[in-house]
PDB file of N, CA and C in Angstrom:
ATOM      1  N   MET A   1      -3.256  15.263   9.977  1.00  0.00           N
ATOM      2  CA  MET A   1      -3.174  13.891   9.545  1.00  0.00           C
ATOM      3  C   MET A   1      -3.752  13.798   8.140  1.00  0.00           C
ATOM      4  N   LYS A   2      -3.111  13.002   7.292  1.00  0.00           N
ATOM      5  CA  LYS A   2      -3.588  12.779   5.935  1.00  0.00           C
ATOM      6  C   LYS A   2      -3.931  11.309   5.774  1.00  0.00           C
ATOM      7  N   MET A   3      -4.885  11.037   4.899  1.00  0.00           N
ATOM      8  CA  MET A   3      -5.278   9.662   4.656  1.00  0.00           C
ATOM      9  C   MET A   3      -5.062   9.336   3.187  1.00  0.00           C
ATOM     10  N   ILE A   4      -4.445   8.195   2.951  1.00  0.00           N
ATOM     11  CA  ILE A   4      -4.300   7.657   1.605  1.00  0.00           C
ATOM     12  C   ILE A   4      -5.187   6.425   1.551  1.00  0.00           C
ATOM     13  N   LYS A   5      -6.106   6.401   0.609  1.00  0.00           N
ATOM     14  CA  LYS A   5      -7.004   5.256   0.471  1.00  0.00           C
ATOM     15  C   LYS A   5      -6.634   4.524  -0.812  1.00  0.00           C
ATOM     16  N   CYS A   6      -6.408   3.225  -0.699  1.00  0.00           N
ATOM     17  CA  CYS A   6      -6.023   2.477  -1.891  1.00  0.00           C
ATOM     18  C   CYS A   6      -6.566   1.056  -1.830  1.00  0.00           C
ATOM     19  N   TYR A   7      -6.572   0.427  -2.963  1.00  0.00           N
ATOM     20  CA  TYR A   7      -6.980  -0.967  -3.091  1.00  0.00           C
ATOM     21  C   TYR A   7      -5.766  -1.735  -3.593  1.00  0.00           C
ATOM     22  N   ILE A   8      -5.335  -2.718  -2.828  1.00  0.00           N
ATOM     23  CA  ILE A   8      -4.153  -3.489  -3.199  1.00  0.00           C
ATOM     24  C   ILE A   8      -4.428  -4.970  -2.999  1.00  0.00           C
ATOM     25  N   GLN A   9      -3.584  -5.775  -3.612  1.00  0.00           N
ATOM     26  CA  GLN A   9      -3.649  -7.212  -3.380  1.00  0.00           C
ATOM     27  C   GLN A   9      -3.115  -7.506  -1.989  1.00  0.00           C
ATOM     28  N   TYR A  10      -3.725  -8.474  -1.337  1.00  0.00           N
ATOM     29  CA  TYR A  10      -3.311  -8.842   0.016  1.00  0.00           C
ATOM     30  C   TYR A  10      -1.829  -9.220   0.054  1.00  0.00           C
ATOM     31  N   GLU A  11      -1.344  -9.886  -0.994  1.00  0.00           N
ATOM     32  CA  GLU A  11       0.049 -10.325  -1.041  1.00  0.00           C
ATOM     33  C   GLU A  11       1.027  -9.155  -1.024  1.00  0.00           C
ATOM     34  N   LYS A  12       0.608  -7.984  -1.446  1.00  0.00           N
ATOM     35  CA  LYS A  12       1.486  -6.808  -1.516  1.00  0.00           C
ATOM     36  C   LYS A  12       1.408  -5.927  -0.278  1.00  0.00           C
ATOM     37  N   LEU A  13       0.610  -6.311   0.712  1.00  0.00           N
ATOM     38  CA  LEU A  13       0.415  -5.472   1.893  1.00  0.00           C
ATOM     39  C   LEU A  13       1.724  -5.183   2.623  1.00  0.00           C
ATOM     40  N   GLU A  14       2.554  -6.192   2.848  1.00  0.00           N
ATOM     41  CA  GLU A  14       3.817  -5.980   3.559  1.00  0.00           C
ATOM     42  C   GLU A  14       4.769  -5.107   2.760  1.00  0.00           C
ATOM     43  N   VAL A  15       4.784  -5.268   1.439  1.00  0.00           N
ATOM     44  CA  VAL A  15       5.646  -4.439   0.587  1.00  0.00           C
ATOM     45  C   VAL A  15       5.224  -2.977   0.699  1.00  0.00           C
ATOM     46  N   VAL A  16       3.929  -2.723   0.624  1.00  0.00           N
ATOM     47  CA  VAL A  16       3.410  -1.356   0.740  1.00  0.00           C
ATOM     48  C   VAL A  16       3.723  -0.784   2.113  1.00  0.00           C
ATOM     49  N   ARG A  17       3.528  -1.584   3.160  1.00  0.00           N
ATOM     50  CA  ARG A  17       3.806  -1.138   4.525  1.00  0.00           C
ATOM     51  C   ARG A  17       5.285  -0.740   4.677  1.00  0.00           C
ATOM     52  N   GLU A  18       6.193  -1.559   4.149  1.00  0.00           N
ATOM     53  CA  GLU A  18       7.627  -1.263   4.239  1.00  0.00           C
ATOM     54  C   GLU A  18       7.986   0.005   3.466  1.00  0.00           C
ATOM     55  N   LYS A  19       7.448   0.156   2.256  1.00  0.00           N
ATOM     56  CA  LYS A  19       7.745   1.348   1.440  1.00  0.00           C
ATOM     57  C   LYS A  19       7.238   2.619   2.120  1.00  0.00           C
ATOM     58  N   LEU A  20       6.031   2.577   2.668  1.00  0.00           N
ATOM     59  CA  LEU A  20       5.494   3.750   3.351  1.00  0.00           C
ATOM     60  C   LEU A  20       6.300   4.073   4.605  1.00  0.00           C
ATOM     61  N   PHE A  21       6.750   3.054   5.334  1.00  0.00           N
ATOM     62  CA  PHE A  21       7.573   3.272   6.522  1.00  0.00           C
ATOM     63  C   PHE A  21       8.889   3.942   6.139  1.00  0.00           C
ATOM     64  N   GLU A  22       9.487   3.520   5.011  1.00  0.00           N
ATOM     65  CA  GLU A  22      10.723   4.142   4.521  1.00  0.00           C
ATOM     66  C   GLU A  22      10.506   5.621   4.207  1.00  0.00           C
ATOM     67  N   LEU A  23       9.302   5.984   3.765  1.00  0.00           N
ATOM     68  CA  LEU A  23       8.985   7.369   3.424  1.00  0.00           C
ATOM     69  C   LEU A  23       8.594   8.206   4.633  1.00  0.00           C
ATOM     70  N   GLY A  24       8.487   7.564   5.799  1.00  0.00           N
ATOM     71  CA  GLY A  24       8.191   8.308   7.011  1.00  0.00           C
ATOM     72  C   GLY A  24       6.748   8.268   7.469  1.00  0.00           C
ATOM     73  N   VAL A  25       5.935   7.419   6.861  1.00  0.00           N
ATOM     74  CA  VAL A  25       4.547   7.282   7.297  1.00  0.00           C
ATOM     75  C   VAL A  25       4.548   6.510   8.611  1.00  0.00           C
ATOM     76  N   PRO A  26       3.962   7.065   9.675  1.00  0.00           N
ATOM     77  CA  PRO A  26       4.061   6.445  10.997  1.00  0.00           C
ATOM     78  C   PRO A  26       3.268   5.157  11.167  1.00  0.00           C
ATOM     79  N   GLY A  27       2.207   4.954  10.413  1.00  0.00           N
ATOM     80  CA  GLY A  27       1.413   3.748  10.607  1.00  0.00           C
ATOM     81  C   GLY A  27       0.522   3.444   9.427  1.00  0.00           C
ATOM     82  N   LEU A  28      -0.075   2.264   9.472  1.00  0.00           N
ATOM     83  CA  LEU A  28      -0.943   1.811   8.401  1.00  0.00           C
ATOM     84  C   LEU A  28      -2.098   1.045   9.022  1.00  0.00           C
ATOM     85  N   SER A  29      -3.315   1.348   8.611  1.00  0.00           N
ATOM     86  CA  SER A  29      -4.499   0.646   9.107  1.00  0.00           C
ATOM     87  C   SER A  29      -5.212  -0.026   7.944  1.00  0.00           C
ATOM     88  N   VAL A  30      -5.586  -1.274   8.140  1.00  0.00           N
ATOM     89  CA  VAL A  30      -6.391  -1.984   7.154  1.00  0.00           C
ATOM     90  C   VAL A  30      -7.828  -1.922   7.650  1.00  0.00           C
ATOM     91  N   VAL A  31      -8.679  -1.272   6.866  1.00  0.00           N
ATOM     92  CA  VAL A  31     -10.057  -1.066   7.279  1.00  0.00           C
ATOM     93  C   VAL A  31     -10.937  -2.234   6.858  1.00  0.00           C
ATOM     94  N   ASP A  32     -10.721  -2.748   5.671  1.00  0.00           N
ATOM     95  CA  ASP A  32     -11.593  -3.788   5.157  1.00  0.00           C
ATOM     96  C   ASP A  32     -10.810  -4.681   4.211  1.00  0.00           C
ATOM     97  N   ALA A  33     -11.129  -5.943   4.196  1.00  0.00           N
ATOM     98  CA  ALA A  33     -10.507  -6.889   3.269  1.00  0.00           C
ATOM     99  C   ALA A  33     -11.621  -7.644   2.561  1.00  0.00           C
ATOM    100  N   LYS A  34     -11.595  -7.582   1.238  1.00  0.00           N
ATOM    101  CA  LYS A  34     -12.625  -8.248   0.442  1.00  0.00           C
ATOM    102  C   LYS A  34     -11.948  -9.073  -0.642  1.00  0.00           C
ATOM    103  N   GLY A  35     -12.627 -10.048  -1.118  1.00  0.00           N
ATOM    104  CA  GLY A  35     -12.098 -10.860  -2.203  1.00  0.00           C
ATOM    105  C   GLY A  35     -13.203 -11.271  -3.151  1.00  0.00           C
ATOM    106  N   ILE A  36     -12.827 -11.472  -4.409  1.00  0.00           N
ATOM    107  CA  ILE A  36     -13.808 -11.917  -5.394  1.00  0.00           C
ATOM    108  C   ILE A  36     -13.435 -13.276  -5.968  1.00  0.00           C
ATOM    109  N   GLY A  37     -12.377 -13.882  -5.440  1.00  0.00           N
ATOM    110  CA  GLY A  37     -11.986 -15.200  -5.909  1.00  0.00           C
ATOM    111  C   GLY A  37     -10.967 -15.200  -7.020  1.00  0.00           C
ATOM    112  N   LYS A  38     -10.667 -14.043  -7.583  1.00  0.00           N
ATOM    113  CA  LYS A  38      -9.634 -13.952  -8.608  1.00  0.00           C
ATOM    114  C   LYS A  38      -8.918 -12.617  -8.445  1.00  0.00           C
ATOM    115  N   PRO A  39      -7.649 -12.541  -8.828  1.00  0.00           N
ATOM    116  CA  PRO A  39      -6.903 -11.292  -8.649  1.00  0.00           C
ATOM    117  C   PRO A  39      -7.448 -10.168  -9.526  1.00  0.00           C
ATOM    118  N   MET A  40      -7.445  -8.950  -8.965  1.00  0.00           N
ATOM    119  CA  MET A  40      -7.910  -7.784  -9.714  1.00  0.00           C
ATOM    120  C   MET A  40      -6.894  -7.367 -10.775  1.00  0.00           C
ATOM    121  N   SER A  41      -5.615  -7.577 -10.491  1.00  0.00           N
ATOM    122  CA  SER A  41      -4.568  -7.236 -11.449  1.00  0.00           C
ATOM    123  C   SER A  41      -3.382  -8.145 -11.193  1.00  0.00           C
ATOM    124  N   GLN A  42      -2.482  -8.203 -12.117  1.00  0.00           N
ATOM    125  CA  GLN A  42      -1.298  -9.038 -11.975  1.00  0.00           C
ATOM    126  C   GLN A  42      -0.073  -8.144 -11.808  1.00  0.00           C
ATOM    127  N   LEU A  43       0.613  -8.289 -10.673  1.00  0.00           N
ATOM    128  CA  LEU A  43       1.873  -7.594 -10.448  1.00  0.00           C
ATOM    129  C   LEU A  43       2.967  -8.644 -10.507  1.00  0.00           C
ATOM    130  N   THR A  44       3.945  -8.451 -11.381  1.00  0.00           N
ATOM    131  CA  THR A  44       4.947  -9.488 -11.584  1.00  0.00           C
ATOM    132  C   THR A  44       6.137  -9.348 -10.660  1.00  0.00           C
ATOM    133  N   SER A  45       6.416  -8.139 -10.186  1.00  0.00           N
ATOM    134  CA  SER A  45       7.563  -7.963  -9.304  1.00  0.00           C
ATOM    135  C   SER A  45       7.352  -6.729  -8.447  1.00  0.00           C
ATOM    136  N   ASP A  46       8.227  -6.550  -7.457  1.00  0.00           N
ATOM    137  CA  ASP A  46       8.135  -5.389  -6.579  1.00  0.00           C
ATOM    138  C   ASP A  46       8.404  -4.090  -7.330  1.00  0.00           C
ATOM    139  N   SER A  47       9.108  -4.161  -8.457  1.00  0.00           N
ATOM    140  CA  SER A  47       9.389  -2.944  -9.218  1.00  0.00           C
ATOM    141  C   SER A  47       8.117  -2.371  -9.843  1.00  0.00           C
ATOM    142  N   ASP A  48       7.068  -3.180  -9.957  1.00  0.00           N
ATOM    143  CA  ASP A  48       5.799  -2.687 -10.500  1.00  0.00           C
ATOM    144  C   ASP A  48       5.044  -1.831  -9.498  1.00  0.00           C
ATOM    145  N   LEU A  49       5.428  -1.914  -8.228  1.00  0.00           N
ATOM    146  CA  LEU A  49       4.730  -1.176  -7.180  1.00  0.00           C
ATOM    147  C   LEU A  49       5.104   0.297  -7.243  1.00  0.00           C
ATOM    148  N   LYS A  50       4.123   1.144  -7.346  1.00  0.00           N
ATOM    149  CA  LYS A  50       4.360   2.583  -7.378  1.00  0.00           C
ATOM    150  C   LYS A  50       3.825   3.177  -6.085  1.00  0.00           C
ATOM    151  N   VAL A  51       4.709   3.783  -5.311  1.00  0.00           N
ATOM    152  CA  VAL A  51       4.332   4.378  -4.036  1.00  0.00           C
ATOM    153  C   VAL A  51       4.179   5.879  -4.234  1.00  0.00           C
ATOM    154  N   PRO A  52       3.069   6.467  -3.795  1.00  0.00           N
ATOM    155  CA  PRO A  52       2.875   7.909  -3.970  1.00  0.00           C
ATOM    156  C   PRO A  52       3.875   8.720  -3.159  1.00  0.00           C
ATOM    157  N   GLN A  53       4.148   9.927  -3.620  1.00  0.00           N
ATOM    158  CA  GLN A  53       5.038  10.828  -2.892  1.00  0.00           C
ATOM    159  C   GLN A  53       4.404  11.194  -1.564  1.00  0.00           C
ATOM    160  N   PHE A  54       5.193  11.192  -0.522  1.00  0.00           N
ATOM    161  CA  PHE A  54       4.704  11.548   0.807  1.00  0.00           C
ATOM    162  C   PHE A  54       5.636  12.593   1.388  1.00  0.00           C
ATOM    163  N   HIS A  55       5.096  13.736   1.755  1.00  0.00           N
ATOM    164  CA  HIS A  55       5.890  14.815   2.330  1.00  0.00           C
ATOM    165  C   HIS A  55       5.430  15.031   3.763  1.00  0.00           C
ATOM    166  N   PRO A  56       6.199  14.545   4.742  1.00  0.00           N
ATOM    167  CA  PRO A  56       5.777  14.689   6.140  1.00  0.00           C
ATOM    168  C   PRO A  56       5.706  16.149   6.569  1.00  0.00           C
ATOM    169  N   CYS A  57       4.734  16.458   7.395  1.00  0.00           N
ATOM    170  CA  CYS A  57       4.610  17.804   7.954  1.00  0.00           C
ATOM    171  C   CYS A  57       5.655  17.971   9.047  1.00  0.00           C
ATOM    172  N   VAL A  58       6.236  19.139   9.117  1.00  0.00           N
ATOM    173  CA  VAL A  58       7.268  19.389  10.127  1.00  0.00           C
ATOM    174  C   VAL A  58       6.693  20.192  11.265  1.00  0.00           C
TER     175      VAL A  58
END
């Protein structure tokens, strides 16, 4: 099992979940959710989302 640890905006969680599922990642766990009252970064569209390469073990 491999773990990818990342920090994302809450609004992008479903987009990330869908992209990882398309790549063959079997599941996604949210360990912690924190907020500071303002966005950490601005993502203007889904095309800005970069999903890391995932190579499933056979």
